[in-house]
PDB file of N, CA and C in Angstrom:
ATOM      1  N   MET A   1       9.422 -18.546  11.742  1.00  0.00           N
ATOM      2  CA  MET A   1       9.845 -17.413  10.936  1.00  0.00           C
ATOM      3  C   MET A   1      10.429 -16.353  11.856  1.00  0.00           C
ATOM      4  N   THR A   2      11.609 -15.846  11.519  1.00  0.00           N
ATOM      5  CA  THR A   2      12.215 -14.795  12.319  1.00  0.00           C
ATOM      6  C   THR A   2      11.663 -13.447  11.875  1.00  0.00           C
ATOM      7  N   GLU A   3      11.485 -12.569  12.840  1.00  0.00           N
ATOM      8  CA  GLU A   3      10.940 -11.257  12.538  1.00  0.00           C
ATOM      9  C   GLU A   3      12.066 -10.252  12.396  1.00  0.00           C
ATOM     10  N   SER A   4      12.030  -9.475  11.331  1.00  0.00           N
ATOM     11  CA  SER A   4      12.992  -8.408  11.130  1.00  0.00           C
ATOM     12  C   SER A   4      12.586  -7.222  11.997  1.00  0.00           C
ATOM     13  N   GLU A   5      13.569  -6.457  12.458  1.00  0.00           N
ATOM     14  CA  GLU A   5      13.255  -5.252  13.220  1.00  0.00           C
ATOM     15  C   GLU A   5      12.571  -4.224  12.343  1.00  0.00           C
ATOM     16  N   ILE A   6      12.951  -4.214  11.068  1.00  0.00           N
ATOM     17  CA  ILE A   6      12.388  -3.251  10.121  1.00  0.00           C
ATOM     18  C   ILE A   6      11.514  -4.021   9.146  1.00  0.00           C
ATOM     19  N   GLN A   7      10.302  -3.503   8.915  1.00  0.00           N
ATOM     20  CA  GLN A   7       9.390  -4.144   7.971  1.00  0.00           C
ATOM     21  C   GLN A   7       8.799  -3.107   7.034  1.00  0.00           C
ATOM     22  N   MET A   8       8.499  -3.566   5.814  1.00  0.00           N
ATOM     23  CA  MET A   8       7.839  -2.713   4.844  1.00  0.00           C
ATOM     24  C   MET A   8       6.423  -3.233   4.623  1.00  0.00           C
ATOM     25  N   VAL A   9       5.469  -2.341   4.779  1.00  0.00           N
ATOM     26  CA  VAL A   9       4.077  -2.662   4.494  1.00  0.00           C
ATOM     27  C   VAL A   9       3.763  -2.057   3.138  1.00  0.00           C
ATOM     28  N   VAL A  10       3.321  -2.905   2.206  1.00  0.00           N
ATOM     29  CA  VAL A  10       2.971  -2.470   0.855  1.00  0.00           C
ATOM     30  C   VAL A  10       1.489  -2.752   0.657  1.00  0.00           C
ATOM     31  N   ALA A  11       0.743  -1.726   0.285  1.00  0.00           N
ATOM     32  CA  ALA A  11      -0.690  -1.885   0.063  1.00  0.00           C
ATOM     33  C   ALA A  11      -1.045  -1.393  -1.332  1.00  0.00           C
ATOM     34  N   ILE A  12      -1.888  -2.164  -2.005  1.00  0.00           N
ATOM     35  CA  ILE A  12      -2.444  -1.758  -3.297  1.00  0.00           C
ATOM     36  C   ILE A  12      -3.937  -1.546  -3.051  1.00  0.00           C
ATOM     37  N   ILE A  13      -4.397  -0.292  -3.185  1.00  0.00           N
ATOM     38  CA  ILE A  13      -5.788   0.032  -2.846  1.00  0.00           C
ATOM     39  C   ILE A  13      -6.435   0.878  -3.938  1.00  0.00           C
ATOM     40  N   ARG A  14      -7.728   1.102  -3.779  1.00  0.00           N
ATOM     41  CA  ARG A  14      -8.467   1.976  -4.696  1.00  0.00           C
ATOM     42  C   ARG A  14      -7.999   3.430  -4.501  1.00  0.00           C
ATOM     43  N   PRO A  15      -7.856   4.183  -5.584  1.00  0.00           N
ATOM     44  CA  PRO A  15      -7.394   5.579  -5.456  1.00  0.00           C
ATOM     45  C   PRO A  15      -8.280   6.432  -4.551  1.00  0.00           C
ATOM     46  N   GLU A  16      -9.575   6.203  -4.579  1.00  0.00           N
ATOM     47  CA  GLU A  16     -10.482   7.023  -3.775  1.00  0.00           C
ATOM     48  C   GLU A  16     -10.370   6.744  -2.276  1.00  0.00           C
ATOM     49  N   LYS A  17      -9.669   5.683  -1.898  1.00  0.00           N
ATOM     50  CA  LYS A  17      -9.473   5.340  -0.488  1.00  0.00           C
ATOM     51  C   LYS A  17      -8.142   5.845   0.062  1.00  0.00           C
ATOM     52  N   LEU A  18      -7.361   6.547  -0.750  1.00  0.00           N
ATOM     53  CA  LEU A  18      -6.054   7.029  -0.307  1.00  0.00           C
ATOM     54  C   LEU A  18      -6.165   7.987   0.873  1.00  0.00           C
ATOM     55  N   GLY A  19      -7.074   8.923   0.826  1.00  0.00           N
ATOM     56  CA  GLY A  19      -7.237   9.890   1.916  1.00  0.00           C
ATOM     57  C   GLY A  19      -7.557   9.201   3.236  1.00  0.00           C
ATOM     58  N   ALA A  20      -8.467   8.248   3.196  1.00  0.00           N
ATOM     59  CA  ALA A  20      -8.833   7.510   4.409  1.00  0.00           C
ATOM     60  C   ALA A  20      -7.654   6.699   4.930  1.00  0.00           C
ATOM     61  N   ALA A  21      -6.877   6.114   4.020  1.00  0.00           N
ATOM     62  CA  ALA A  21      -5.708   5.325   4.424  1.00  0.00           C
ATOM     63  C   ALA A  21      -4.651   6.226   5.063  1.00  0.00           C
ATOM     64  N   LYS A  22      -4.422   7.414   4.505  1.00  0.00           N
ATOM     65  CA  LYS A  22      -3.448   8.345   5.089  1.00  0.00           C
ATOM     66  C   LYS A  22      -3.873   8.773   6.491  1.00  0.00           C
ATOM     67  N   GLN A  23      -5.149   9.033   6.685  1.00  0.00           N
ATOM     68  CA  GLN A  23      -5.646   9.411   8.008  1.00  0.00           C
ATOM     69  C   GLN A  23      -5.483   8.257   8.996  1.00  0.00           C
ATOM     70  N   ALA A  24      -5.761   7.034   8.557  1.00  0.00           N
ATOM     71  CA  ALA A  24      -5.622   5.862   9.425  1.00  0.00           C
ATOM     72  C   ALA A  24      -4.159   5.642   9.800  1.00  0.00           C
ATOM     73  N   LEU A  25      -3.246   5.857   8.859  1.00  0.00           N
ATOM     74  CA  LEU A  25      -1.818   5.719   9.155  1.00  0.00           C
ATOM     75  C   LEU A  25      -1.359   6.788  10.148  1.00  0.00           C
ATOM     76  N   ALA A  26      -1.873   7.988  10.023  1.00  0.00           N
ATOM     77  CA  ALA A  26      -1.523   9.050  10.969  1.00  0.00           C
ATOM     78  C   ALA A  26      -1.994   8.703  12.377  1.00  0.00           C
ATOM     79  N   ARG A  27      -3.155   8.039  12.489  1.00  0.00           N
ATOM     80  CA  ARG A  27      -3.676   7.653  13.806  1.00  0.00           C
ATOM     81  C   ARG A  27      -2.792   6.620  14.501  1.00  0.00           C
ATOM     82  N   VAL A  28      -2.068   5.779  13.729  1.00  0.00           N
ATOM     83  CA  VAL A  28      -1.170   4.786  14.350  1.00  0.00           C
ATOM     84  C   VAL A  28       0.280   5.274  14.328  1.00  0.00           C
ATOM     85  N   ASN A  29       0.467   6.572  14.075  1.00  0.00           N
ATOM     86  CA  ASN A  29       1.795   7.211  14.061  1.00  0.00           C
ATOM     87  C   ASN A  29       2.726   6.650  12.996  1.00  0.00           C
ATOM     88  N   ALA A  30       2.174   6.279  11.854  1.00  0.00           N
ATOM     89  CA  ALA A  30       2.972   5.802  10.720  1.00  0.00           C
ATOM     90  C   ALA A  30       2.762   6.764   9.561  1.00  0.00           C
ATOM     91  N   SER A  31       3.160   8.000   9.760  1.00  0.00           N
ATOM     92  CA  SER A  31       2.876   9.038   8.771  1.00  0.00           C
ATOM     93  C   SER A  31       3.874   9.066   7.621  1.00  0.00           C
ATOM     94  N   SER A  32       4.989   8.356   7.728  1.00  0.00           N
ATOM     95  CA  SER A  32       6.012   8.342   6.690  1.00  0.00           C
ATOM     96  C   SER A  32       5.653   7.292   5.633  1.00  0.00           C
ATOM     97  N   LEU A  33       5.399   7.730   4.405  1.00  0.00           N
ATOM     98  CA  LEU A  33       4.970   6.787   3.375  1.00  0.00           C
ATOM     99  C   LEU A  33       5.338   7.270   1.986  1.00  0.00           C
ATOM    100  N   THR A  34       5.283   6.352   1.046  1.00  0.00           N
ATOM    101  CA  THR A  34       5.478   6.655  -0.368  1.00  0.00           C
ATOM    102  C   THR A  34       4.239   6.178  -1.105  1.00  0.00           C
ATOM    103  N   VAL A  35       3.725   7.016  -2.012  1.00  0.00           N
ATOM    104  CA  VAL A  35       2.518   6.679  -2.759  1.00  0.00           C
ATOM    105  C   VAL A  35       2.842   6.712  -4.250  1.00  0.00           C
ATOM    106  N   THR A  36       2.405   5.671  -4.960  1.00  0.00           N
ATOM    107  CA  THR A  36       2.636   5.567  -6.395  1.00  0.00           C
ATOM    108  C   THR A  36       1.329   5.209  -7.089  1.00  0.00           C
ATOM    109  N   ASN A  37       1.042   5.827  -8.228  1.00  0.00           N
ATOM    110  CA  ASN A  37      -0.101   5.428  -9.040  1.00  0.00           C
ATOM    111  C   ASN A  37       0.316   4.236  -9.888  1.00  0.00           C
ATOM    112  N   VAL A  38      -0.462   3.162  -9.805  1.00  0.00           N
ATOM    113  CA  VAL A  38      -0.151   1.940 -10.539  1.00  0.00           C
ATOM    114  C   VAL A  38      -1.405   1.421 -11.232  1.00  0.00           C
ATOM    115  N   SER A  39      -1.237   0.480 -12.136  1.00  0.00           N
ATOM    116  CA  SER A  39      -2.344  -0.221 -12.777  1.00  0.00           C
ATOM    117  C   SER A  39      -2.123  -1.700 -12.595  1.00  0.00           C
ATOM    118  N   GLY A  40      -3.201  -2.437 -12.436  1.00  0.00           N
ATOM    119  CA  GLY A  40      -3.049  -3.871 -12.263  1.00  0.00           C
ATOM    120  C   GLY A  40      -4.370  -4.589 -12.373  1.00  0.00           C
ATOM    121  N   ARG A  41      -4.273  -5.901 -12.171  1.00  0.00           N
ATOM    122  CA  ARG A  41      -5.462  -6.736 -12.250  1.00  0.00           C
ATOM    123  C   ARG A  41      -5.354  -7.797 -11.173  1.00  0.00           C
ATOM    124  N   GLY A  42      -6.390  -7.944 -10.399  1.00  0.00           N
ATOM    125  CA  GLY A  42      -6.458  -8.984  -9.379  1.00  0.00           C
ATOM    126  C   GLY A  42      -7.550  -9.958  -9.746  1.00  0.00           C
ATOM    127  N   SER A  43      -8.506 -10.114  -8.854  1.00  0.00           N
ATOM    128  CA  SER A  43      -9.588 -11.052  -9.093  1.00  0.00           C
ATOM    129  C   SER A  43     -10.733 -10.443  -9.906  1.00  0.00           C
ATOM    130  N   GLU A  44     -10.636  -9.149 -10.242  1.00  0.00           N
ATOM    131  CA  GLU A  44     -11.686  -8.527 -11.031  1.00  0.00           C
ATOM    132  C   GLU A  44     -11.690  -9.120 -12.434  1.00  0.00           C
ATOM    133  N   SER A  45     -12.873  -9.217 -13.011  1.00  0.00           N
ATOM    134  CA  SER A  45     -12.960  -9.763 -14.364  1.00  0.00           C
ATOM    135  C   SER A  45     -12.653  -8.678 -15.393  1.00  0.00           C
ATOM    136  N   VAL A  46     -12.224  -9.121 -16.564  1.00  0.00           N
ATOM    137  CA  VAL A  46     -11.946  -8.211 -17.673  1.00  0.00           C
ATOM    138  C   VAL A  46     -13.274  -7.698 -18.209  1.00  0.00           C
ATOM    139  N   LYS A  47     -13.347  -6.388 -18.459  1.00  0.00           N
ATOM    140  CA  LYS A  47     -14.587  -5.781 -18.954  1.00  0.00           C
ATOM    141  C   LYS A  47     -14.411  -5.333 -20.391  1.00  0.00           C
ATOM    142  N   THR A  48     -15.471  -5.472 -21.164  1.00  0.00           N
ATOM    143  CA  THR A  48     -15.501  -4.941 -22.526  1.00  0.00           C
ATOM    144  C   THR A  48     -16.491  -3.792 -22.530  1.00  0.00           C
ATOM    145  N   GLU A  49     -16.036  -2.612 -22.967  1.00  0.00           N
ATOM    146  CA  GLU A  49     -16.886  -1.431 -22.983  1.00  0.00           C
ATOM    147  C   GLU A  49     -16.847  -0.790 -24.361  1.00  0.00           C
ATOM    148  N   GLN A  50     -17.732   0.188 -24.574  1.00  0.00           N
ATOM    149  CA  GLN A  50     -17.752   0.901 -25.845  1.00  0.00           C
ATOM    150  C   GLN A  50     -17.564   2.388 -25.592  1.00  0.00           C
ATOM    151  N   TRP A  51     -16.829   3.004 -26.497  1.00  0.00           N
ATOM    152  CA  TRP A  51     -16.638   4.440 -26.448  1.00  0.00           C
ATOM    153  C   TRP A  51     -16.632   4.951 -27.873  1.00  0.00           C
ATOM    154  N   ARG A  52     -17.553   5.858 -28.187  1.00  0.00           N
ATOM    155  CA  ARG A  52     -17.705   6.416 -29.536  1.00  0.00           C
ATOM    156  C   ARG A  52     -17.833   5.321 -30.591  1.00  0.00           C
ATOM    157  N   GLY A  53     -18.594   4.313 -30.250  1.00  0.00           N
ATOM    158  CA  GLY A  53     -18.868   3.242 -31.196  1.00  0.00           C
ATOM    159  C   GLY A  53     -17.792   2.187 -31.306  1.00  0.00           C
ATOM    160  N   GLU A  54     -16.676   2.396 -30.668  1.00  0.00           N
ATOM    161  CA  GLU A  54     -15.572   1.428 -30.706  1.00  0.00           C
ATOM    162  C   GLU A  54     -15.572   0.594 -29.430  1.00  0.00           C
ATOM    163  N   GLU A  55     -15.372  -0.691 -29.580  1.00  0.00           N
ATOM    164  CA  GLU A  55     -15.300  -1.581 -28.434  1.00  0.00           C
ATOM    165  C   GLU A  55     -13.853  -1.693 -27.964  1.00  0.00           C
ATOM    166  N   TYR A  56     -13.651  -1.643 -26.660  1.00  0.00           N
ATOM    167  CA  TYR A  56     -12.305  -1.791 -26.106  1.00  0.00           C
ATOM    168  C   TYR A  56     -12.376  -2.614 -24.824  1.00  0.00           C
ATOM    169  N   THR A  57     -11.238  -3.180 -24.449  1.00  0.00           N
ATOM    170  CA  THR A  57     -11.154  -4.045 -23.279  1.00  0.00           C
ATOM    171  C   THR A  57     -10.457  -3.311 -22.144  1.00  0.00           C
ATOM    172  N   VAL A  58     -11.065  -3.359 -20.962  1.00  0.00           N
ATOM    173  CA  VAL A  58     -10.467  -2.787 -19.769  1.00  0.00           C
ATOM    174  C   VAL A  58      -9.964  -3.964 -18.934  1.00  0.00           C
ATOM    175  N   ASP A  59      -8.650  -4.196 -18.965  1.00  0.00           N
ATOM    176  CA  ASP A  59      -8.112  -5.332 -18.204  1.00  0.00           C
ATOM    177  C   ASP A  59      -7.141  -4.896 -17.113  1.00  0.00           C
ATOM    178  N   LEU A  60      -6.764  -3.625 -17.084  1.00  0.00           N
ATOM    179  CA  LEU A  60      -5.922  -3.094 -16.018  1.00  0.00           C
ATOM    180  C   LEU A  60      -6.677  -1.969 -15.321  1.00  0.00           C
ATOM    181  N   ILE A  61      -6.768  -2.068 -14.018  1.00  0.00           N
ATOM    182  CA  ILE A  61      -7.516  -1.105 -13.221  1.00  0.00           C
ATOM    183  C   ILE A  61      -6.526  -0.163 -12.523  1.00  0.00           C
ATOM    184  N   ASP A  62      -6.854   1.139 -12.490  1.00  0.00           N
ATOM    185  CA  ASP A  62      -6.007   2.101 -11.785  1.00  0.00           C
ATOM    186  C   ASP A  62      -6.094   1.866 -10.287  1.00  0.00           C
ATOM    187  N   LYS A  63      -4.939   1.806  -9.648  1.00  0.00           N
ATOM    188  CA  LYS A  63      -4.833   1.595  -8.205  1.00  0.00           C
ATOM    189  C   LYS A  63      -3.777   2.542  -7.647  1.00  0.00           C
ATOM    190  N   VAL A  64      -3.650   2.577  -6.333  1.00  0.00           N
ATOM    191  CA  VAL A  64      -2.627   3.345  -5.644  1.00  0.00           C
ATOM    192  C   VAL A  64      -1.816   2.360  -4.814  1.00  0.00           C
ATOM    193  N   LYS A  65      -0.483   2.494  -4.882  1.00  0.00           N
ATOM    194  CA  LYS A  65       0.409   1.654  -4.096  1.00  0.00           C
ATOM    195  C   LYS A  65       0.993   2.500  -2.972  1.00  0.00           C
ATOM    196  N   ILE A  66       0.808   2.033  -1.743  1.00  0.00           N
ATOM    197  CA  ILE A  66       1.345   2.713  -0.565  1.00  0.00           C
ATOM    198  C   ILE A  66       2.466   1.850  -0.002  1.00  0.00           C
ATOM    199  N   GLU A  67       3.622   2.462   0.240  1.00  0.00           N
ATOM    200  CA  GLU A  67       4.739   1.771   0.871  1.00  0.00           C
ATOM    201  C   GLU A  67       5.064   2.504   2.164  1.00  0.00           C
ATOM    202  N   CYS A  68       5.132   1.752   3.248  1.00  0.00           N
ATOM    203  CA  CYS A  68       5.391   2.330   4.568  1.00  0.00           C
ATOM    204  C   CYS A  68       6.391   1.432   5.282  1.00  0.00           C
ATOM    205  N   VAL A  69       7.565   1.965   5.598  1.00  0.00           N
ATOM    206  CA  VAL A  69       8.597   1.202   6.304  1.00  0.00           C
ATOM    207  C   VAL A  69       8.527   1.573   7.779  1.00  0.00           C
ATOM    208  N   VAL A  70       8.441   0.547   8.636  1.00  0.00           N
ATOM    209  CA  VAL A  70       8.306   0.787  10.071  1.00  0.00           C
ATOM    210  C   VAL A  70       9.337  -0.021  10.854  1.00  0.00           C
ATOM    211  N   ALA A  71       9.766   0.548  11.980  1.00  0.00           N
ATOM    212  CA  ALA A  71      10.685  -0.151  12.872  1.00  0.00           C
ATOM    213  C   ALA A  71      10.165  -0.097  14.304  1.00  0.00           C
ATOM    214  N   ASP A  72       9.621   1.047  14.714  1.00  0.00           N
ATOM    215  CA  ASP A  72       9.169   1.205  16.092  1.00  0.00           C
ATOM    216  C   ASP A  72       7.659   1.048  16.244  1.00  0.00           C
ATOM    217  N   ILE A  73       6.957   0.790  15.153  1.00  0.00           N
ATOM    218  CA  ILE A  73       5.509   0.585  15.161  1.00  0.00           C
ATOM    219  C   ILE A  73       5.260  -0.834  14.659  1.00  0.00           C
ATOM    220  N   PRO A  74       4.413  -1.619  15.321  1.00  0.00           N
ATOM    221  CA  PRO A  74       4.131  -2.964  14.821  1.00  0.00           C
ATOM    222  C   PRO A  74       3.523  -2.926  13.417  1.00  0.00           C
ATOM    223  N   ALA A  75       4.076  -3.728  12.518  1.00  0.00           N
ATOM    224  CA  ALA A  75       3.558  -3.790  11.145  1.00  0.00           C
ATOM    225  C   ALA A  75       2.100  -4.223  11.129  1.00  0.00           C
ATOM    226  N   GLU A  76       1.698  -5.018  12.107  1.00  0.00           N
ATOM    227  CA  GLU A  76       0.303  -5.460  12.196  1.00  0.00           C
ATOM    228  C   GLU A  76      -0.635  -4.276  12.388  1.00  0.00           C
ATOM    229  N   ASP A  77      -0.225  -3.277  13.184  1.00  0.00           N
ATOM    230  CA  ASP A  77      -1.047  -2.075  13.387  1.00  0.00           C
ATOM    231  C   ASP A  77      -1.212  -1.306  12.078  1.00  0.00           C
ATOM    232  N   VAL A  78      -0.128  -1.205  11.322  1.00  0.00           N
ATOM    233  CA  VAL A  78      -0.161  -0.496  10.040  1.00  0.00           C
ATOM    234  C   VAL A  78      -1.043  -1.254   9.054  1.00  0.00           C
ATOM    235  N   THR A  79      -0.884  -2.569   9.013  1.00  0.00           N
ATOM    236  CA  THR A  79      -1.678  -3.414   8.120  1.00  0.00           C
ATOM    237  C   THR A  79      -3.169  -3.269   8.420  1.00  0.00           C
ATOM    238  N   GLU A  80      -3.531  -3.371   9.682  1.00  0.00           N
ATOM    239  CA  GLU A  80      -4.939  -3.261  10.076  1.00  0.00           C
ATOM    240  C   GLU A  80      -5.502  -1.875   9.771  1.00  0.00           C
ATOM    241  N   ALA A  81      -4.707  -0.832  10.005  1.00  0.00           N
ATOM    242  CA  ALA A  81      -5.171   0.532   9.740  1.00  0.00           C
ATOM    243  C   ALA A  81      -5.500   0.716   8.262  1.00  0.00           C
ATOM    244  N   ILE A  82      -4.604   0.237   7.391  1.00  0.00           N
ATOM    245  CA  ILE A  82      -4.846   0.373   5.950  1.00  0.00           C
ATOM    246  C   ILE A  82      -6.037  -0.469   5.523  1.00  0.00           C
ATOM    247  N   ALA A  83      -6.084  -1.724   5.988  1.00  0.00           N
ATOM    248  CA  ALA A  83      -7.160  -2.631   5.585  1.00  0.00           C
ATOM    249  C   ALA A  83      -8.532  -2.100   5.984  1.00  0.00           C
ATOM    250  N   GLU A  84      -8.637  -1.578   7.191  1.00  0.00           N
ATOM    251  CA  GLU A  84      -9.921  -1.044   7.643  1.00  0.00           C
ATOM    252  C   GLU A  84     -10.316   0.211   6.868  1.00  0.00           C
ATOM    253  N   ALA A  85      -9.342   1.077   6.585  1.00  0.00           N
ATOM    254  CA  ALA A  85      -9.636   2.323   5.879  1.00  0.00           C
ATOM    255  C   ALA A  85      -9.982   2.092   4.413  1.00  0.00           C
ATOM    256  N   ALA A  86      -9.398   1.067   3.798  1.00  0.00           N
ATOM    257  CA  ALA A  86      -9.571   0.841   2.359  1.00  0.00           C
ATOM    258  C   ALA A  86     -10.724  -0.094   2.018  1.00  0.00           C
ATOM    259  N   LYS A  87     -11.323  -0.715   2.999  1.00  0.00           N
ATOM    260  CA  LYS A  87     -12.351  -1.730   2.739  1.00  0.00           C
ATOM    261  C   LYS A  87     -13.672  -1.123   2.281  1.00  0.00           C
ATOM    262  N   THR A  88     -14.185  -1.650   1.161  1.00  0.00           N
ATOM    263  CA  THR A  88     -15.537  -1.302   0.707  1.00  0.00           C
ATOM    264  C   THR A  88     -16.438  -2.530   0.731  1.00  0.00           C
ATOM    265  N   GLY A  89     -15.835  -3.713   0.755  1.00  0.00           N
ATOM    266  CA  GLY A  89     -16.609  -4.948   0.723  1.00  0.00           C
ATOM    267  C   GLY A  89     -16.863  -5.458  -0.679  1.00  0.00           C
ATOM    268  N   ASN A  90     -16.329  -4.763  -1.671  1.00  0.00           N
ATOM    269  CA  ASN A  90     -16.517  -5.160  -3.068  1.00  0.00           C
ATOM    270  C   ASN A  90     -15.217  -5.694  -3.652  1.00  0.00           C
ATOM    271  N   PRO A  91     -15.298  -6.507  -4.722  1.00  0.00           N
ATOM    272  CA  PRO A  91     -14.063  -6.962  -5.374  1.00  0.00           C
ATOM    273  C   PRO A  91     -13.241  -5.763  -5.830  1.00  0.00           C
ATOM    274  N   GLY A  92     -11.917  -5.879  -5.707  1.00  0.00           N
ATOM    275  CA  GLY A  92     -11.041  -4.802  -6.134  1.00  0.00           C
ATOM    276  C   GLY A  92     -10.594  -3.900  -5.009  1.00  0.00           C
ATOM    277  N   ASP A  93     -10.903  -4.254  -3.761  1.00  0.00           N
ATOM    278  CA  ASP A  93     -10.467  -3.433  -2.628  1.00  0.00           C
ATOM    279  C   ASP A  93      -8.955  -3.403  -2.491  1.00  0.00           C
ATOM    280  N   GLY A  94      -8.270  -4.464  -2.899  1.00  0.00           N
ATOM    281  CA  GLY A  94      -6.816  -4.465  -2.888  1.00  0.00           C
ATOM    282  C   GLY A  94      -6.215  -5.497  -1.966  1.00  0.00           C
ATOM    283  N   ARG A  95      -4.920  -5.353  -1.720  1.00  0.00           N
ATOM    284  CA  ARG A  95      -4.151  -6.288  -0.895  1.00  0.00           C
ATOM    285  C   ARG A  95      -3.147  -5.504  -0.056  1.00  0.00           C
ATOM    286  N   VAL A  96      -2.720  -6.118   1.051  1.00  0.00           N
ATOM    287  CA  VAL A  96      -1.662  -5.563   1.885  1.00  0.00           C
ATOM    288  C   VAL A  96      -0.620  -6.656   2.084  1.00  0.00           C
ATOM    289  N   PHE A  97       0.647  -6.314   1.881  1.00  0.00           N
ATOM    290  CA  PHE A  97       1.753  -7.252   2.035  1.00  0.00           C
ATOM    291  C   PHE A  97       2.727  -6.705   3.071  1.00  0.00           C
ATOM    292  N   VAL A  98       3.325  -7.598   3.852  1.00  0.00           N
ATOM    293  CA  VAL A  98       4.340  -7.210   4.830  1.00  0.00           C
ATOM    294  C   VAL A  98       5.624  -7.943   4.477  1.00  0.00           C
ATOM    295  N   LEU A  99       6.715  -7.166   4.293  1.00  0.00           N
ATOM    296  CA  LEU A  99       7.995  -7.722   3.877  1.00  0.00           C
ATOM    297  C   LEU A  99       9.080  -7.347   4.875  1.00  0.00           C
ATOM    298  N   PRO A 100      10.015  -8.258   5.142  1.00  0.00           N
ATOM    299  CA  PRO A 100      11.143  -7.882   5.997  1.00  0.00           C
ATOM    300  C   PRO A 100      12.109  -6.987   5.226  1.00  0.00           C
ATOM    301  N   VAL A 101      12.727  -6.052   5.929  1.00  0.00           N
ATOM    302  CA  VAL A 101      13.725  -5.171   5.332  1.00  0.00           C
ATOM    303  C   VAL A 101      15.068  -5.531   5.952  1.00  0.00           C
ATOM    304  N   GLU A 102      16.005  -5.914   5.111  1.00  0.00           N
ATOM    305  CA  GLU A 102      17.315  -6.338   5.607  1.00  0.00           C
ATOM    306  C   GLU A 102      18.149  -5.183   6.128  1.00  0.00           C
ATOM    307  N   GLU A 103      18.108  -4.063   5.457  1.00  0.00           N
ATOM    308  CA  GLU A 103      18.952  -2.934   5.839  1.00  0.00           C
ATOM    309  C   GLU A 103      18.277  -1.637   5.429  1.00  0.00           C
ATOM    310  N   ALA A 104      18.511  -0.604   6.226  1.00  0.00           N
ATOM    311  CA  ALA A 104      18.047   0.741   5.900  1.00  0.00           C
ATOM    312  C   ALA A 104      19.197   1.697   6.191  1.00  0.00           C
ATOM    313  N   VAL A 105      19.409   2.657   5.295  1.00  0.00           N
ATOM    314  CA  VAL A 105      20.464   3.652   5.465  1.00  0.00           C
ATOM    315  C   VAL A 105      19.866   5.023   5.194  1.00  0.00           C
ATOM    316  N   ARG A 106      20.021   5.928   6.139  1.00  0.00           N
ATOM    317  CA  ARG A 106      19.604   7.311   5.914  1.00  0.00           C
ATOM    318  C   ARG A 106      20.760   8.004   5.215  1.00  0.00           C
ATOM    319  N   ILE A 107      20.538   8.461   4.012  1.00  0.00           N
ATOM    320  CA  ILE A 107      21.596   9.013   3.168  1.00  0.00           C
ATOM    321  C   ILE A 107      22.227  10.253   3.804  1.00  0.00           C
ATOM    322  N   ARG A 108      21.418  11.146   4.327  1.00  0.00           N
ATOM    323  CA  ARG A 108      21.936  12.412   4.862  1.00  0.00           C
ATOM    324  C   ARG A 108      22.895  12.207   6.021  1.00  0.00           C
ATOM    325  N   THR A 109      22.559  11.311   6.963  1.00  0.00           N
ATOM    326  CA  THR A 109      23.356  11.166   8.182  1.00  0.00           C
ATOM    327  C   THR A 109      24.208   9.904   8.228  1.00  0.00           C
ATOM    328  N   GLY A 110      23.909   8.941   7.363  1.00  0.00           N
ATOM    329  CA  GLY A 110      24.635   7.676   7.391  1.00  0.00           C
ATOM    330  C   GLY A 110      24.118   6.703   8.431  1.00  0.00           C
ATOM    331  N   GLU A 111      23.049   7.055   9.142  1.00  0.00           N
ATOM    332  CA  GLU A 111      22.482   6.145  10.134  1.00  0.00           C
ATOM    333  C   GLU A 111      22.035   4.859   9.470  1.00  0.00           C
ATOM    334  N   ARG A 112      22.145   3.756  10.186  1.00  0.00           N
ATOM    335  CA  ARG A 112      21.761   2.450   9.659  1.00  0.00           C
ATOM    336  C   ARG A 112      20.777   1.754  10.599  1.00  0.00           C
ATOM    337  N   GLY A 113      20.040   0.802  10.030  1.00  0.00           N
ATOM    338  CA  GLY A 113      19.121   0.008  10.824  1.00  0.00           C
ATOM    339  C   GLY A 113      17.880   0.782  11.219  1.00  0.00           C
ATOM    340  N   PRO A 114      17.273   0.399  12.371  1.00  0.00           N
ATOM    341  CA  PRO A 114      16.036   1.042  12.802  1.00  0.00           C
ATOM    342  C   PRO A 114      16.157   2.558  13.005  1.00  0.00           C
ATOM    343  N   GLU A 115      17.346   3.040  13.339  1.00  0.00           N
ATOM    344  CA  GLU A 115      17.548   4.478  13.512  1.00  0.00           C
ATOM    345  C   GLU A 115      17.368   5.239  12.199  1.00  0.00           C
ATOM    346  N   ALA A 116      17.599   4.570  11.082  1.00  0.00           N
ATOM    347  CA  ALA A 116      17.466   5.216   9.773  1.00  0.00           C
ATOM    348  C   ALA A 116      16.013   5.368   9.342  1.00  0.00           C
ATOM    349  N   VAL A 117      15.143   4.588   9.969  1.00  0.00           N
ATOM    350  CA  VAL A 117      13.731   4.636   9.603  1.00  0.00           C
ATOM    351  C   VAL A 117      13.076   5.786  10.331  1.00  0.00           C
TER     352      VAL A 117
END
């Protein structure tokens, strides 16, 4: 497998672990990130709960998606930082994915490639 100079690390984690993940990313000098609130389902089982006498199904869990594009920092360092910060040891801790980035363009200056990151 060929390695791209630019990689995107995407992590889906518990919302309460966002602060710890941001601090861990700052420690590896990967402070540039995008955070999105998302809902999803992984290996957690579907739950049936009651509220005001009505039964409802909880099948999508609130999560936080972190996207971090790196060129001068090893993606492995970013991956490990997020994984260690987000780990609770319980189901639903999340996942981290590393994707190659074909091109990056900084809109303001027109820079391309690793310089744009």
